[in-house]
Amino acid sequence: MAWNATGDLLATGSNDKTVKLMRFNSTTCQLEDIAHPLTMHGGTVRDMCFMEDLSNRSNLLISGGSGDNKIYITDCETAMPFQSLTGHTGQILSLYTWGGVMFVSSSQDKTIRFWDMRTRGCVHHISARPMGGTDLVSSAAAAISVDPSGRLLVSGHEDSSCMLYDMKGNRILQTFKPHTADVRTARLSPKAFYLLTGSYDCKLMLTDLQGDLTQPLASVRVAEHADKVIQGRWHPKEFTFISTSADKTATLWALPQT
């Protein structure tokens, strides 16, 4: 699921191959104007994110998943998809947007692609390197995130590793393994001081990014579920986060201020 920046629009994607757009009334805490399901996807919808169309300030929804391996752009005012983006050769696993015109996607094809809505196309793509190796990545990135300045990309991979990528210098800073199983969620804190990752090893880890990002990084376990961790998301202002798990719980965690 995804919220738009102002919190009045919610989108959900499902194994039933559909996307639903809903308006949210923050006064009554009720969903309103539930649209008919969007059926452009040919398989499970794996991820989505909202972006503002800078030309007319309307909301755009970016969604991707399995099926035809395409990324779809939907105009939220009309609830109509108007463009599909091709390039990936495997299902879309994760999407993330920043800066108003850019978004990034990761896929089972083991690539990460950068897209610019001004050109409506892919402007760059990368493949990470595995732990201790020199060949191209051997596992897909199931989770991606970009810091607000658009300088640092982080990705969490199915081989339990994470990658830090310098977007300005187009170079991999390092890969490291904070987990012992698939990394399914990776999110930078609001000021990008910390990286929160969650894994099928049932743990949520916090990695300190304040310092030389080419040197070994300190990671500590900050939470644990009874089953696989599915997602972790920071509060936009507080030093807290929420996590969801295959143990069928959603848990809000508070961290000590540092």
Foldseek 3Di string as FASTA:
>chain_A
DEAAPVRQKDWDWAQVQWIWIWGADPVVRDTPDIDDTDRPGQGGWAEKYWAADPVVRFIWIWTWFADPQWIWIAGPVVRGTDDIADDDPAGWQEKEDEDRFKIWTWGQSQKIFIAGNVVRYTDDMDFPPDPPDDDTDPWTFNEWEAARVRQWIWTWTQCQKMWIAGPVVRGTLDIDHPDRGGWNYWYAANRRQWIWIFFQVQWIKIWGPPDRSNDDIDIDTDDGDPGGWHYKDYDNPAQKIWTDGPVGDIDIGHDDDD
